[in-house]
Amino acid sequence: MSGHVFHPGHSELHGITVVVETADQVTYVGRYHEETTEGLLLHDVAEHREAPGGPSRSDFVRQTVKFGVRSVHRHLVIPAGTLRRLTRLVEWQEPAAG
């Protein structure tokens, strides 16, 4: 049901697995907890950094959808101001080139 918040007082995204793309080209996938003035708090977070010969961001997200989140951070705060795009994992699509 749209708009339903499982934990009253929390964001609609609370507990939802999200993809976070940052200004420094790092992509995270984890469970959204909250956003504060310090940043965005995620739990059980996978991390992807582009590297020569490594998987692309798209490959990383597709593999995560298929096989689940391979957590490397139990808890992670993504600093305020570095967030470029926040998307529910089930709704993520590669941005159009432009």
C-alpha atoms as a PDB file:
ATOM      1  CA  MET A   1       0.000   0.000   0.000  1.00  0.00           C
ATOM      2  CA  SER A   2       1.477   3.263  -1.133  1.00  0.00           C
ATOM      3  CA  GLY A   3       2.298   5.821   1.530  1.00  0.00           C
ATOM      4  CA  HIS A   4       2.227   3.238   4.335  1.00  0.00           C
ATOM      5  CA  VAL A   5       5.011   3.732   6.874  1.00  0.00           C
ATOM      6  CA  PHE A   6       5.787   0.536   8.767  1.00  0.00           C
ATOM      7  CA  HIS A   7       7.371   2.423  11.671  1.00  0.00           C
ATOM      8  CA  PRO A   8       5.370   5.572  12.458  1.00  0.00           C
ATOM      9  CA  GLY A   9       7.591   8.630  12.769  1.00  0.00           C
ATOM     10  CA  HIS A  10      10.051   7.381  10.143  1.00  0.00           C
ATOM     11  CA  SER A  11      10.418   8.177   6.459  1.00  0.00           C
ATOM     12  CA  GLU A  12       8.430   6.200   3.913  1.00  0.00           C
ATOM     13  CA  LEU A  13      11.779   4.670   2.825  1.00  0.00           C
ATOM     14  CA  HIS A  14      12.599   3.378   6.333  1.00  0.00           C
ATOM     15  CA  GLY A  15      13.613  -0.285   6.013  1.00  0.00           C
ATOM     16  CA  ILE A  16      13.556  -0.241   2.194  1.00  0.00           C
ATOM     17  CA  THR A  17      16.627  -1.352   0.231  1.00  0.00           C
ATOM     18  CA  VAL A  18      17.868   1.615  -1.784  1.00  0.00           C
ATOM     19  CA  VAL A  19      20.612   2.474  -4.273  1.00  0.00           C
ATOM     20  CA  VAL A  20      22.576   5.585  -3.359  1.00  0.00           C
ATOM     21  CA  GLU A  21      24.776   7.204  -5.987  1.00  0.00           C
ATOM     22  CA  THR A  22      27.204   9.821  -4.696  1.00  0.00           C
ATOM     23  CA  ALA A  23      28.991  12.798  -6.205  1.00  0.00           C
ATOM     24  CA  ASP A  24      32.319  10.965  -5.815  1.00  0.00           C
ATOM     25  CA  GLN A  25      31.112   8.113  -8.096  1.00  0.00           C
ATOM     26  CA  VAL A  26      30.608   5.560  -5.294  1.00  0.00           C
ATOM     27  CA  THR A  27      27.411   3.519  -5.349  1.00  0.00           C
ATOM     28  CA  TYR A  28      25.923   1.992  -2.209  1.00  0.00           C
ATOM     29  CA  VAL A  29      23.047  -0.455  -1.774  1.00  0.00           C
ATOM     30  CA  GLY A  30      21.595  -0.842   1.703  1.00  0.00           C
ATOM     31  CA  ARG A  31      18.555  -0.516   3.930  1.00  0.00           C
ATOM     32  CA  TYR A  32      17.453   3.072   4.424  1.00  0.00           C
ATOM     33  CA  HIS A  33      17.195   4.074   8.073  1.00  0.00           C
ATOM     34  CA  GLU A  34      17.046   7.866   8.206  1.00  0.00           C
ATOM     35  CA  GLU A  35      18.395  11.102   6.814  1.00  0.00           C
ATOM     36  CA  THR A  36      19.723  13.695   9.251  1.00  0.00           C
ATOM     37  CA  THR A  37      21.767  16.875   8.960  1.00  0.00           C
ATOM     38  CA  GLU A  38      24.882  14.667   9.157  1.00  0.00           C
ATOM     39  CA  GLY A  39      23.842  12.493   6.247  1.00  0.00           C
ATOM     40  CA  LEU A  40      21.992   9.390   5.188  1.00  0.00           C
ATOM     41  CA  LEU A  41      22.174   6.359   7.504  1.00  0.00           C
ATOM     42  CA  LEU A  42      22.024   2.938   5.846  1.00  0.00           C
ATOM     43  CA  HIS A  43      22.278  -0.553   7.336  1.00  0.00           C
ATOM     44  CA  ASP A  44      23.825  -3.699   5.791  1.00  0.00           C
ATOM     45  CA  VAL A  45      25.475  -1.837   2.942  1.00  0.00           C
ATOM     46  CA  ALA A  46      27.225  -3.059  -0.225  1.00  0.00           C
ATOM     47  CA  GLU A  47      29.686  -0.678  -1.870  1.00  0.00           C
ATOM     48  CA  HIS A  48      30.826  -0.277  -5.470  1.00  0.00           C
ATOM     49  CA  ARG A  49      33.684   1.841  -6.788  1.00  0.00           C
ATOM     50  CA  GLU A  50      34.479   1.918 -10.498  1.00  0.00           C
ATOM     51  CA  ALA A  51      37.821   0.265 -11.262  1.00  0.00           C
ATOM     52  CA  PRO A  52      39.534  -0.681 -14.522  1.00  0.00           C
ATOM     53  CA  GLY A  53      38.532  -4.224 -15.445  1.00  0.00           C
ATOM     54  CA  GLY A  54      35.954  -4.376 -12.671  1.00  0.00           C
ATOM     55  CA  PRO A  55      32.183  -4.522 -12.915  1.00  0.00           C
ATOM     56  CA  SER A  56      30.321  -1.401 -13.952  1.00  0.00           C
ATOM     57  CA  ARG A  57      27.808   0.267 -11.644  1.00  0.00           C
ATOM     58  CA  SER A  58      25.016  -1.247 -13.754  1.00  0.00           C
ATOM     59  CA  ASP A  59      26.508  -4.733 -13.422  1.00  0.00           C
ATOM     60  CA  PHE A  60      26.906  -4.237  -9.660  1.00  0.00           C
ATOM     61  CA  VAL A  61      23.266  -3.203  -9.220  1.00  0.00           C
ATOM     62  CA  ARG A  62      21.976  -6.010 -11.493  1.00  0.00           C
ATOM     63  CA  GLN A  63      24.016  -8.593  -9.553  1.00  0.00           C
ATOM     64  CA  THR A  64      22.691  -7.178  -6.292  1.00  0.00           C
ATOM     65  CA  VAL A  65      19.113  -7.486  -7.522  1.00  0.00           C
ATOM     66  CA  LYS A  66      19.747 -11.074  -8.614  1.00  0.00           C
ATOM     67  CA  PHE A  67      21.826 -12.389  -5.700  1.00  0.00           C
ATOM     68  CA  GLY A  68      21.121 -10.017  -2.791  1.00  0.00           C
ATOM     69  CA  VAL A  69      23.136  -7.383  -0.943  1.00  0.00           C
ATOM     70  CA  ARG A  70      26.706  -8.450  -0.116  1.00  0.00           C
ATOM     71  CA  SER A  71      27.115  -6.252   2.941  1.00  0.00           C
ATOM     72  CA  VAL A  72      30.551  -4.769   3.657  1.00  0.00           C
ATOM     73  CA  HIS A  73      29.316  -2.151   6.130  1.00  0.00           C
ATOM     74  CA  ARG A  74      26.927  -2.982   8.975  1.00  0.00           C
ATOM     75  CA  HIS A  75      26.062   0.721   9.340  1.00  0.00           C
ATOM     76  CA  LEU A  76      27.149   3.584   7.106  1.00  0.00           C
ATOM     77  CA  VAL A  77      26.510   7.332   7.116  1.00  0.00           C
ATOM     78  CA  ILE A  78      26.798   8.907   3.687  1.00  0.00           C
ATOM     79  CA  PRO A  79      27.714  12.549   4.371  1.00  0.00           C
ATOM     80  CA  ALA A  80      25.133  15.211   3.594  1.00  0.00           C
ATOM     81  CA  GLY A  81      25.886  16.977   0.339  1.00  0.00           C
ATOM     82  CA  THR A  82      27.448  13.967  -1.400  1.00  0.00           C
ATOM     83  CA  LEU A  83      24.148  12.339  -2.373  1.00  0.00           C
ATOM     84  CA  ARG A  84      23.517  12.533  -6.112  1.00  0.00           C
ATOM     85  CA  ARG A  85      20.639  10.066  -6.561  1.00  0.00           C
ATOM     86  CA  LEU A  86      18.555   7.892  -4.223  1.00  0.00           C
ATOM     87  CA  THR A  87      16.370   5.149  -5.706  1.00  0.00           C
ATOM     88  CA  ARG A  88      14.546   2.102  -4.375  1.00  0.00           C
ATOM     89  CA  LEU A  89      16.514  -0.950  -5.512  1.00  0.00           C
ATOM     90  CA  VAL A  90      13.457  -2.458  -7.217  1.00  0.00           C
ATOM     91  CA  GLU A  91      12.971   0.781  -9.216  1.00  0.00           C
ATOM     92  CA  TRP A  92      16.603   1.497 -10.157  1.00  0.00           C
ATOM     93  CA  GLN A  93      17.418   2.093 -13.813  1.00  0.00           C
ATOM     94  CA  GLU A  94      20.642   3.211 -15.454  1.00  0.00           C
ATOM     95  CA  PRO A  95      20.435   6.988 -16.014  1.00  0.00           C
ATOM     96  CA  ALA A  96      20.068   8.012 -19.649  1.00  0.00           C
ATOM     97  CA  ALA A  97      23.309   9.166 -21.233  1.00  0.00           C
ATOM     98  CA  GLY A  98      23.378  12.844 -21.759  1.00  0.00           C
END
